[in-house]
């Protein structure tokens, strides 16, 4: 179905030390009083003279403090990197090769040394997973390595001459979709990894597979550019077959178009994550003579700069929090605005004010961070109670708080209600994912049913809605208020998805951050 009505528009703080002078003028008065006495008393009187000389000793202390504070500033400025930063999330069905692809990118770009690779090779052999050693670069805990399943979102970095990249390796298992959503919430670009092996593409693309849900969630969460990497082309059942490649591409295109991806936002390419074919260097014609496109990293390097909202109000949804060396560290992506070291921030909900002590990305301290940066904000423990901030809080400047509400109005596209709950009515409960917040919500009432193509009203105050319907609805948060924005104001804080019983059932955008005012008919 056309989603035109649901379109998401796819297309220094300076320290100036003060002077400090020490004038021991009072010490010059005792000398003339005791000079007339010829007694040996003046000799002891000369002893206090060295005392004034010792008194200026406090002078170096303020000078040292001033020097230390001045030295901090150039260090922060030195680590600011002008290259554009892009976050890439790798998504797809379980065992498609996401972690292997992520690990090989790090190996081929020199971010992992050979000694570490040899260590992972030995560990993989010991676990009977010989070909998984590249995945071990991102899958760091024992559960992931033993079961061969990514659980948490792996993070790593690589860079080229003109761009900096953060890899987000999302889990593919259906049980870890909430973790996958957290990864997508940080991303600018998605790489949908598809296994070309016989039967594996089909398993991932059917109703119970994760290929469809991952692609849908990625679109609804605002990732506009999707690269489809057809992996395992070197596998014995495929052997770089153009027929198999075309079969997969032709199967995916109609679905991706139906969820809103335009032709110019999609790119398909064959790769081998294990051998590294078509990742850094173009394919050798002796291996594959029918594909002449650019390799994956050149495609990423050639992406047009993203339109960042650096002139809008600061908005940073909190992804995680923890304590480190006595500081509180808040993690999140700068969605809009600019944050500068030393800024006074506000956390909503809760209206918690605090001053930041430093800004860092995963590699260096920063004097400021622009939209698109995934950062860590350090706060002194005395400035903030860690229990007052949680995942889903939104950080802003004090003078520009976000809307915080328990009731709101949405435009909703229903895609996949559970079989035994096949209609949505007032009282329907589900889980809402909006930016980094995850909250239980309830349908208060359905306000309008819209035509899928024209967006015009079809029926006011409908009693129910079902799969394929587009509705305007009034929702209420079950537990506590959520920070959000109207979609037309800030898209990143105004789009959401709904999940129920482990599946994505709907997605939409925020129309109003308050309850609707309804008038009764006379």
Protein backbone atom coordinates (compact mmCIF):
# COMPACT_ATOMS: atom_id res chain seq x y z
CA UNK A 1 0.00 0.00 0.00
CA UNK A 2 1.13 3.50 -0.67
CA UNK A 3 2.34 5.35 2.41
CA UNK A 4 2.26 8.84 0.96
CA UNK A 5 0.21 10.13 3.86
CA UNK A 6 2.69 8.63 6.28
CA UNK A 7 5.66 10.17 4.51
CA UNK A 8 8.55 10.93 6.83
CA UNK A 9 10.09 13.24 4.23
CA UNK A 10 12.44 10.46 3.21
CA UNK A 11 14.07 12.22 0.76
CA UNK A 12 33.61 27.15 24.32
CA UNK A 13 33.94 28.35 27.37
CA UNK A 14 36.90 30.74 27.75
CA UNK A 15 38.66 31.14 31.12
CA UNK A 16 40.59 34.41 31.62
CA UNK A 17 42.80 34.18 34.72
CA UNK A 18 42.78 37.25 36.94
CA UNK A 19 46.01 38.85 38.21
CA UNK A 20 47.07 38.24 41.78
CA UNK A 21 49.53 40.65 43.53
CA UNK A 22 51.22 40.40 46.89
CA UNK A 23 52.37 43.71 48.47
CA UNK A 24 54.03 43.21 51.86
CA UNK A 25 53.82 46.94 52.71
CA UNK A 26 52.95 46.45 56.43
CA UNK A 27 56.27 44.67 56.96
CA UNK A 28 58.26 47.88 56.18
CA UNK A 29 56.86 49.77 59.22
CA UNK A 30 58.41 47.74 62.09
CA UNK A 31 61.98 48.38 60.83
CA UNK A 32 62.16 52.18 61.47
CA UNK A 33 60.67 51.78 64.98
CA UNK A 34 63.44 49.42 66.17
CA UNK A 35 66.42 50.87 64.29
CA UNK A 36 67.20 53.63 66.94
CA UNK A 37 67.89 51.05 69.64
CA UNK A 38 71.60 50.27 69.72
CA UNK A 39 70.98 47.11 71.71
CA UNK A 40 71.41 43.73 70.07
CA UNK A 41 67.64 43.66 69.90
CA UNK A 42 67.64 44.84 66.32
CA UNK A 43 69.44 41.64 65.39
CA UNK A 44 66.48 39.48 66.33
CA UNK A 45 64.36 42.16 64.69
CA UNK A 46 66.13 41.35 61.45
CA UNK A 47 64.88 37.79 61.71
CA UNK A 48 61.32 38.70 60.81
CA UNK A 49 62.77 40.06 57.55
CA UNK A 50 63.06 36.56 56.04
CA UNK A 51 59.48 35.91 57.18
CA UNK A 52 58.02 38.35 54.69
CA UNK A 53 60.17 36.59 52.13
CA UNK A 54 58.47 33.31 53.00
CA UNK A 55 54.99 34.83 52.91
CA UNK A 56 54.97 35.31 49.15
CA UNK A 57 55.11 31.49 48.89
CA UNK A 58 51.31 31.31 48.38
CA UNK A 59 51.84 33.17 45.06
CA UNK A 60 52.75 30.08 43.02
CA UNK A 61 49.54 28.30 44.11
CA UNK A 62 47.07 30.52 42.25
CA UNK A 63 49.49 30.72 39.33
CA UNK A 64 49.56 26.91 39.05
CA UNK A 65 45.77 26.68 39.20
CA UNK A 66 45.43 29.29 36.49
CA UNK A 67 47.90 27.46 34.26
CA UNK A 68 46.06 24.15 34.68
CA UNK A 69 42.70 25.66 33.75
CA UNK A 70 44.10 27.39 30.70
CA UNK A 71 45.78 24.18 29.50
CA UNK A 72 42.47 22.27 29.51
CA UNK A 73 40.97 24.42 26.76
CA UNK A 74 43.43 23.72 23.91
CA UNK A 75 43.33 19.99 24.69
CA UNK A 76 39.57 19.88 24.07
CA UNK A 77 39.80 21.97 20.92
CA UNK A 78 42.62 19.81 19.60
CA UNK A 79 40.43 16.69 19.64
CA UNK A 80 37.52 18.18 17.71
CA UNK A 81 37.37 16.48 14.30
CA UNK A 82 35.84 18.45 11.41
CA UNK A 83 35.07 15.32 9.34
CA UNK A 84 31.40 14.38 9.10
CA UNK A 85 30.34 11.63 11.49
CA UNK A 86 27.93 8.94 10.27
CA UNK A 87 26.41 6.13 12.32
CA UNK A 88 25.69 2.90 10.43
CA UNK A 89 23.42 0.21 11.83
CA UNK A 90 23.70 -3.33 10.46
CA UNK A 91 20.31 -5.05 10.53
CA UNK A 92 18.79 -8.27 9.22
CA UNK A 93 17.67 -11.79 10.07
CA UNK A 94 19.68 -13.93 12.48
CA UNK A 95 22.79 -15.54 10.91
CA UNK A 96 22.74 -13.21 7.90
CA UNK A 97 26.35 -12.23 8.64
CA UNK A 98 25.99 -8.81 10.28
CA UNK A 99 28.68 -9.29 12.93
CA UNK A 100 31.06 -10.93 10.45
CA UNK A 101 30.63 -7.99 8.06
CA UNK A 102 31.15 -5.46 10.87
CA UNK A 103 34.27 -7.29 12.09
CA UNK A 104 35.79 -7.55 8.62
CA UNK A 105 35.27 -3.83 8.00
CA UNK A 106 37.28 -3.12 11.15
CA UNK A 107 39.99 -5.57 10.06
CA UNK A 108 40.23 -4.20 6.51
CA UNK A 109 40.39 -0.59 7.71
CA UNK A 110 43.19 -1.33 10.17
CA UNK A 111 41.17 -0.87 13.36
CA UNK A 112 42.06 -4.38 14.63
CA UNK A 113 45.62 -5.70 14.76
CA UNK A 114 46.68 -9.12 13.50
CA UNK A 115 47.56 -10.42 16.97
CA UNK A 116 43.98 -9.80 18.14
CA UNK A 117 42.62 -11.58 15.06
CA UNK A 118 44.84 -14.60 15.73
CA UNK A 119 43.52 -14.70 19.30
CA UNK A 120 39.92 -14.69 18.07
CA UNK A 121 40.74 -17.40 15.53
CA UNK A 122 41.98 -19.67 18.34
CA UNK A 123 38.91 -18.94 20.48
CA UNK A 124 36.60 -19.68 17.56
CA UNK A 125 38.30 -23.03 16.93
CA UNK A 126 38.02 -23.94 20.63
CA UNK A 127 34.28 -23.24 20.51
CA UNK A 128 33.83 -25.18 17.27
CA UNK A 129 32.95 -21.99 15.39
CA UNK A 130 35.92 -21.72 13.03
CA UNK A 131 34.36 -19.19 10.64
CA UNK A 132 33.03 -16.92 13.37
CA UNK A 133 36.29 -15.31 14.45
CA UNK A 134 35.44 -12.03 12.67
CA UNK A 135 32.13 -11.85 14.51
CA UNK A 136 34.01 -12.10 17.82
CA UNK A 137 35.34 -8.56 17.24
CA UNK A 138 31.85 -7.16 17.92
CA UNK A 139 30.30 -10.05 19.89
CA UNK A 140 32.32 -9.58 23.04
CA UNK A 141 30.52 -11.49 25.80
CA UNK A 142 30.62 -15.26 26.31
CA UNK A 143 26.88 -15.77 25.76
CA UNK A 144 27.09 -14.19 22.31
CA UNK A 145 30.17 -16.19 21.34
CA UNK A 146 28.90 -19.51 22.67
CA UNK A 147 25.48 -19.27 21.01
CA UNK A 148 26.55 -17.33 17.93
CA UNK A 149 23.82 -14.73 18.59
CA UNK A 150 24.28 -10.99 18.99
CA UNK A 151 22.37 -9.83 22.07
CA UNK A 152 23.48 -6.26 22.74
CA UNK A 153 24.20 -3.63 20.09
CA UNK A 154 27.92 -3.82 19.32
CA UNK A 155 29.75 -0.51 18.85
CA UNK A 156 32.99 0.17 17.01
CA UNK A 157 34.62 2.88 14.91
CA UNK A 158 36.51 3.28 11.68
CA UNK A 159 37.43 6.24 9.54
CA UNK A 160 38.40 7.32 6.05
CA UNK A 161 40.13 10.46 4.82
CA UNK A 162 36.87 12.39 4.64
CA UNK A 163 34.44 10.75 7.10
CA UNK A 164 34.22 9.16 10.54
CA UNK A 165 31.93 6.16 11.09
CA UNK A 166 30.37 4.41 14.06
CA UNK A 167 29.31 0.80 13.49
CA UNK A 168 26.18 -0.35 15.33
CA UNK A 169 25.85 -4.13 15.07
CA UNK A 170 22.19 -4.88 15.91
CA UNK A 171 20.92 -8.29 17.08
CA UNK A 172 18.91 -10.27 14.53
CA UNK A 173 17.02 -12.64 16.84
CA UNK A 174 13.32 -11.90 17.34
CA UNK A 175 13.75 -11.92 21.11
CA UNK A 176 16.12 -8.94 21.01
CA UNK A 177 14.16 -6.53 18.80
CA UNK A 178 14.01 -3.88 21.57
CA UNK A 179 17.83 -3.85 21.58
CA UNK A 180 17.80 -3.60 17.79
CA UNK A 181 15.48 -0.58 18.04
CA UNK A 182 17.95 1.10 20.42
CA UNK A 183 20.64 0.67 17.77
CA UNK A 184 18.49 2.03 14.96
CA UNK A 185 17.61 5.07 17.10
CA UNK A 186 21.27 6.14 16.89
CA UNK A 187 21.77 5.53 13.15
CA UNK A 188 21.92 7.72 10.05
CA UNK A 189 22.29 4.87 7.52
CA UNK A 190 21.21 1.22 7.63
CA UNK A 191 22.81 -1.77 5.94
CA UNK A 192 20.25 -4.57 5.58
CA UNK A 193 22.29 -7.78 5.40
CA UNK A 194 20.61 -10.63 3.47
CA UNK A 195 21.91 -14.19 3.26
CA UNK A 196 21.93 -15.49 -0.32
CA UNK A 197 22.30 -19.09 0.85
CA UNK A 198 19.48 -21.35 -0.33
CA UNK A 199 16.61 -21.22 2.15
CA UNK A 200 18.10 -18.52 4.41
CA UNK A 201 16.75 -15.54 2.48
CA UNK A 202 13.32 -17.17 2.41
CA UNK A 203 13.42 -17.88 6.17
CA UNK A 204 14.27 -14.27 6.95
CA UNK A 205 11.72 -12.80 4.57
CA UNK A 206 8.66 -14.82 5.57
CA UNK A 207 6.13 -13.57 8.13
CA UNK A 208 8.06 -14.95 11.10
CA UNK A 209 11.48 -13.73 9.90
CA UNK A 210 13.14 -10.50 10.96
CA UNK A 211 14.01 -9.07 7.54
CA UNK A 212 10.60 -7.43 7.12
CA UNK A 213 10.31 -6.14 10.68
CA UNK A 214 13.87 -4.76 10.74
CA UNK A 215 13.33 -2.90 7.46
CA UNK A 216 9.98 -1.53 8.66
CA UNK A 217 11.34 -0.37 12.02
CA UNK A 218 14.35 1.23 10.37
CA UNK A 219 12.10 3.25 8.08
CA UNK A 220 9.65 4.30 10.79
CA UNK A 221 12.48 5.35 13.11
CA UNK A 222 13.73 7.80 10.49
CA UNK A 223 16.67 6.09 8.76
CA UNK A 224 16.27 7.35 5.20
CA UNK A 225 19.17 5.64 3.41
CA UNK A 226 19.09 1.83 3.12
CA UNK A 227 21.90 -0.25 1.59
CA UNK A 228 20.93 -3.87 0.94
CA UNK A 229 24.01 -6.10 1.10
CA UNK A 230 23.33 -9.55 -0.43
CA UNK A 231 25.83 -11.59 1.60
CA UNK A 232 27.28 -15.10 1.35
CA UNK A 233 27.53 -14.85 -2.43
CA UNK A 234 30.64 -17.05 -2.22
CA UNK A 235 28.69 -19.89 -0.55
CA UNK A 236 28.67 -23.22 -2.41
CA UNK A 237 24.94 -23.09 -3.16
CA UNK A 238 25.31 -19.63 -4.71
CA UNK A 239 28.82 -19.14 -6.18
CA UNK A 240 28.15 -15.53 -7.25
CA UNK A 241 25.06 -16.51 -9.24
CA UNK A 242 23.42 -13.50 -10.87
CA UNK A 243 20.18 -15.45 -11.06
CA UNK A 244 20.08 -15.88 -7.27
CA UNK A 245 21.04 -12.24 -6.73
CA UNK A 246 18.27 -11.00 -9.05
CA UNK A 247 15.76 -13.33 -7.37
CA UNK A 248 16.48 -11.75 -3.96
CA UNK A 249 16.50 -8.16 -5.27
CA UNK A 250 13.20 -8.65 -7.10
CA UNK A 251 11.66 -10.16 -3.97
CA UNK A 252 12.75 -7.27 -1.74
CA UNK A 253 12.05 -4.25 -3.93
CA UNK A 254 8.21 -4.30 -3.83
CA UNK A 255 8.18 -4.70 -0.05
CA UNK A 256 10.71 -1.92 0.57
CA UNK A 257 8.76 0.37 -1.73
CA UNK A 258 5.52 -0.45 0.11
CA UNK A 259 6.94 0.72 3.45
CA UNK A 260 8.06 4.05 2.00
CA UNK A 261 11.58 3.65 0.64
CA UNK A 262 12.05 5.47 -2.64
CA UNK A 263 14.25 4.19 -5.46
CA UNK A 264 16.89 6.87 -4.87
CA UNK A 265 17.17 5.87 -1.18
CA UNK A 266 17.89 2.19 -1.95
CA UNK A 267 21.09 0.55 -3.12
CA UNK A 268 21.68 -3.18 -3.68
CA UNK A 269 25.08 -4.88 -3.86
CA UNK A 270 26.51 -8.43 -3.67
CA UNK A 271 29.22 -9.07 -1.05
CA UNK A 272 31.03 -11.73 0.91
CA UNK A 273 31.43 -10.62 4.52
CA UNK A 274 33.74 -13.56 5.24
CA UNK A 275 36.22 -13.09 2.35
CA UNK A 276 35.86 -9.30 2.21
CA UNK A 277 34.79 -9.30 -1.44
CA UNK A 278 33.24 -5.98 -2.53
CA UNK A 279 33.78 -4.33 0.85
CA UNK A 280 36.87 -2.17 0.30
CA UNK A 281 37.94 -3.03 -3.23
CA UNK A 282 35.70 -3.62 -6.29
CA UNK A 283 34.88 -7.18 -7.28
CA UNK A 284 37.44 -9.00 -9.36
CA UNK A 285 35.83 -9.78 -12.76
CA UNK A 286 37.22 -13.29 -12.48
CA UNK A 287 35.02 -13.76 -9.39
CA UNK A 288 31.93 -11.82 -10.53
CA UNK A 289 31.74 -10.35 -14.02
CA UNK A 290 28.14 -9.10 -13.92
CA UNK A 291 28.39 -6.45 -11.14
CA UNK A 292 30.40 -3.28 -11.79
CA UNK A 293 29.22 -1.06 -8.95
CA UNK A 294 31.32 0.52 -6.20
CA UNK A 295 32.29 -1.50 -3.08
CA UNK A 296 30.54 -0.88 0.23
CA UNK A 297 33.05 1.51 1.84
CA UNK A 298 33.29 3.70 -1.26
CA UNK A 299 29.51 3.93 -1.30
CA UNK A 300 29.51 5.03 2.35
CA UNK A 301 32.28 7.54 1.67
CA UNK A 302 30.35 9.05 -1.25
CA UNK A 303 27.12 9.67 0.70
CA UNK A 304 25.96 13.26 0.49
CA UNK A 305 26.30 15.24 3.74
CA UNK A 306 23.22 14.90 5.91
CA UNK A 307 21.04 17.91 6.64
CA UNK A 308 21.75 18.40 10.33
CA UNK A 309 19.54 20.50 12.61
CA UNK A 310 22.36 22.53 14.14
CA UNK A 311 20.28 25.73 14.26
CA UNK A 312 17.37 24.13 16.15
CA UNK A 313 16.98 23.77 19.91
CA UNK A 314 19.23 21.19 21.56
CA UNK A 315 17.63 17.74 21.88
CA UNK A 316 19.50 14.64 23.14
CA UNK A 317 17.44 11.54 24.02
CA UNK A 318 19.27 9.56 26.72
CA UNK A 319 20.22 6.07 25.56
CA UNK A 320 22.00 4.86 28.70
CA UNK A 321 23.56 6.00 31.98
CA UNK A 322 26.28 4.68 34.27
CA UNK A 323 28.83 5.73 36.88
CA UNK A 324 32.52 6.00 36.08
CA UNK A 325 35.30 7.16 38.42
CA UNK A 326 32.84 9.07 40.57
CA UNK A 327 31.18 10.81 37.63
CA UNK A 328 27.75 10.18 36.13
CA UNK A 329 27.95 9.45 32.39
CA UNK A 330 24.94 9.96 30.10
CA UNK A 331 24.97 8.47 26.58
CA UNK A 332 22.92 9.72 23.65
CA UNK A 333 22.85 11.08 20.12
CA UNK A 334 22.61 14.81 19.46
CA UNK A 335 19.46 14.99 17.34
CA UNK A 336 19.36 18.78 17.02
CA UNK A 337 21.18 21.85 18.30
CA UNK A 338 24.74 22.18 19.55
CA UNK A 339 26.06 21.27 22.99
CA UNK A 340 29.13 23.04 24.39
CA UNK A 341 31.36 21.96 27.26
CA UNK A 342 30.17 23.64 30.45
CA UNK A 343 26.55 24.08 29.33
CA UNK A 344 23.73 24.04 31.87
CA UNK A 345 21.26 21.34 30.82
CA UNK A 346 17.73 20.28 31.70
CA UNK A 347 16.51 16.67 31.77
CA UNK A 348 12.84 16.01 31.01
CA UNK A 349 10.60 14.59 32.38
CA UNK A 350 11.49 15.72 35.88
CA UNK A 351 12.95 19.19 35.17
CA UNK A 352 16.35 18.17 36.54
CA UNK A 353 19.01 20.86 36.00
CA UNK A 354 22.76 20.18 36.03
CA UNK A 355 26.05 21.47 34.61
CA UNK A 356 28.13 19.20 32.42
CA UNK A 357 31.82 18.77 33.24
CA UNK A 358 32.92 17.33 29.88
CA UNK A 359 31.74 16.00 26.51
CA UNK A 360 33.29 12.96 24.86
CA UNK A 361 32.68 10.71 21.90
CA UNK A 362 33.88 7.13 22.21
CA UNK A 363 37.42 8.20 21.37
CA UNK A 364 38.18 11.78 22.47
CA UNK A 365 37.04 14.71 24.62
CA UNK A 366 35.22 17.43 22.69
CA UNK A 367 34.74 21.14 23.19
CA UNK A 368 31.32 20.86 21.55
CA UNK A 369 29.16 18.31 19.71
CA UNK A 370 27.03 18.82 16.62
CA UNK A 371 23.90 16.95 15.47
CA UNK A 372 24.66 13.37 14.45
CA UNK A 373 27.33 12.79 17.10
CA UNK A 374 26.91 9.91 19.54
CA UNK A 375 28.35 11.33 22.74
CA UNK A 376 28.95 10.75 26.41
CA UNK A 377 28.21 13.61 28.81
CA UNK A 378 30.08 13.57 32.11
CA UNK A 379 28.48 15.16 35.15
CA UNK A 380 29.97 15.49 38.63
CA UNK A 381 28.22 13.27 41.12
CA UNK A 382 27.48 16.32 43.29
CA UNK A 383 25.57 17.91 40.40
CA UNK A 384 23.10 15.10 39.72
CA UNK A 385 21.27 12.14 41.24
CA UNK A 386 21.57 9.28 38.74
CA UNK A 387 18.12 7.99 39.73
CA UNK A 388 16.51 11.19 38.42
CA UNK A 389 17.50 10.46 34.80
CA UNK A 390 16.56 7.34 32.83
CA UNK A 391 16.60 5.91 29.33
CA UNK A 392 14.14 7.99 27.33
CA UNK A 393 14.83 11.26 29.16
CA UNK A 394 15.52 14.15 26.80
CA UNK A 395 18.34 16.62 27.51
CA UNK A 396 17.92 20.23 26.40
CA UNK A 397 19.16 23.67 27.31
CA UNK A 398 17.31 25.03 30.33
CA UNK A 399 15.54 27.77 28.38
CA UNK A 400 14.12 25.39 25.72
CA UNK A 401 12.48 22.36 27.38
CA UNK A 402 10.64 19.77 25.27
CA UNK A 403 6.94 18.97 25.53
CA UNK A 404 6.27 16.45 28.30
CA UNK A 405 2.87 14.79 28.23
CA UNK A 406 0.79 11.80 29.26
CA UNK A 407 -1.80 12.22 26.48
CA UNK A 408 -1.22 12.90 22.80
CA UNK A 409 -2.76 12.59 19.32
CA UNK A 410 -1.17 10.54 16.53
CA UNK A 411 -1.59 9.56 12.91
CA UNK A 412 -1.20 5.79 12.84
CA UNK A 413 -0.72 3.19 10.12
CA UNK A 414 -1.71 -0.31 11.31
CA UNK A 415 0.31 -3.10 9.68
CA UNK A 416 0.22 -6.34 11.67
CA UNK A 417 -2.21 -6.83 14.56
CA UNK A 418 -2.07 -10.21 16.38
CA UNK A 419 -4.43 -12.84 15.01
CA UNK A 420 -6.46 -13.06 18.22
CA UNK A 421 -6.56 -9.23 18.58
CA UNK A 422 -7.29 -8.42 14.96
CA UNK A 423 -8.98 -5.07 15.58
CA UNK A 424 -7.84 -1.96 17.45
CA UNK A 425 -10.43 -0.24 19.62
CA UNK A 426 -10.53 2.07 22.62
CA UNK A 427 -8.73 0.34 25.50
CA UNK A 428 -6.18 -1.47 23.28
CA UNK A 429 -2.83 -1.66 25.12
CA UNK A 430 0.61 -2.01 23.54
CA UNK A 431 4.22 -0.78 23.85
CA UNK A 432 5.37 2.46 22.23
CA UNK A 433 8.97 3.02 21.08
CA UNK A 434 9.63 6.74 20.59
CA UNK A 435 13.25 7.94 20.25
CA UNK A 436 14.96 6.03 23.12
CA UNK A 437 11.86 5.82 25.34
CA UNK A 438 9.87 2.60 25.72
CA UNK A 439 6.47 3.03 27.37
CA UNK A 440 3.19 1.15 27.69
CA UNK A 441 0.32 3.07 26.13
CA UNK A 442 -3.45 2.72 25.77
CA UNK A 443 -5.78 3.81 22.99
CA UNK A 444 -8.22 6.31 24.55
CA UNK A 445 -10.35 6.66 21.40
CA UNK A 446 -10.12 6.56 17.64
CA UNK A 447 -10.82 10.02 16.23
CA UNK A 448 -10.82 9.58 12.47
CA UNK A 449 -10.22 7.03 9.72
CA UNK A 450 -8.33 8.36 6.68
CA UNK A 451 -8.12 7.37 3.03
CA UNK A 452 -4.76 5.71 2.42
CA UNK A 453 -3.92 7.65 -0.72
CA UNK A 454 -5.59 11.03 -0.33
CA UNK A 455 -5.37 11.37 3.44
CA UNK A 456 -8.93 12.70 3.56
CA UNK A 457 -11.36 11.76 6.30
CA UNK A 458 -13.40 8.65 5.59
CA UNK A 459 -15.21 8.17 8.90
CA UNK A 460 -15.27 10.29 12.06
CA UNK A 461 -14.99 8.57 15.45
CA UNK A 462 -14.74 4.99 14.09
CA UNK A 463 -15.40 2.20 16.56
CA UNK A 464 -12.44 0.07 15.44
CA UNK A 465 -9.52 -0.18 13.00
CA UNK A 466 -7.70 -3.14 11.43
CA UNK A 467 -4.60 -3.97 9.38
CA UNK A 468 -4.08 -1.57 6.49
CA UNK A 469 -6.10 1.24 8.09
CA UNK A 470 -4.76 4.74 8.66
CA UNK A 471 -6.32 6.44 11.66
CA UNK A 472 -5.98 9.45 13.90
CA UNK A 473 -6.09 8.35 17.52
CA UNK A 474 -5.87 9.69 21.06
CA UNK A 475 -3.35 7.78 23.23
CA UNK A 476 -2.47 7.84 26.93
CA UNK A 477 0.82 6.74 28.56
CA UNK A 478 0.11 4.18 31.28
CA UNK A 479 2.92 4.90 33.75
CA UNK A 480 4.49 8.35 33.52
CA UNK A 481 4.84 11.28 31.13
CA UNK A 482 7.10 11.14 28.06
CA UNK A 483 9.12 13.90 26.40
CA UNK A 484 8.15 14.20 22.75
CA UNK A 485 7.61 16.65 19.94
CA UNK A 486 5.17 17.15 17.10
CA UNK A 487 6.53 15.46 14.01
CA UNK A 488 6.39 18.70 12.03
CA UNK A 489 8.61 20.40 14.64
CA UNK A 490 11.33 17.77 15.22
CA UNK A 491 10.92 14.52 13.34
CA UNK A 492 13.36 12.58 15.52
CA UNK A 493 11.17 13.15 18.59
CA UNK A 494 7.87 12.89 16.72
CA UNK A 495 7.95 9.43 15.10
CA UNK A 496 7.22 6.14 16.86
CA UNK A 497 6.36 2.47 16.46
CA UNK A 498 3.94 0.24 18.40
CA UNK A 499 4.69 -3.36 19.34
CA UNK A 500 2.52 -6.07 20.85
CA UNK A 501 3.33 -9.69 21.67
CA UNK A 502 6.78 -9.47 20.13
CA UNK A 503 5.73 -7.95 16.79
CA UNK A 504 5.55 -4.46 15.32
CA UNK A 505 1.85 -3.74 14.83
CA UNK A 506 1.82 -0.07 13.75
CA UNK A 507 3.87 3.05 13.27
CA UNK A 508 3.09 6.72 13.03
CA UNK A 509 3.81 10.32 13.91
CA UNK A 510 2.82 12.73 16.68
CA UNK A 511 0.23 15.33 15.63
CA UNK A 512 -0.36 16.98 19.03
CA UNK A 513 1.30 16.70 22.44
CA UNK A 514 -1.94 17.15 24.35
CA UNK A 515 -5.35 15.51 24.66
CA UNK A 516 -7.86 16.51 21.96
CA UNK A 517 -10.62 18.96 22.76
CA UNK A 518 -13.85 17.25 21.70
CA UNK A 519 -17.18 18.98 21.30
CA UNK A 520 -20.45 17.12 21.77
CA UNK A 521 -23.07 17.43 19.09
CA UNK A 522 -26.10 19.48 20.10
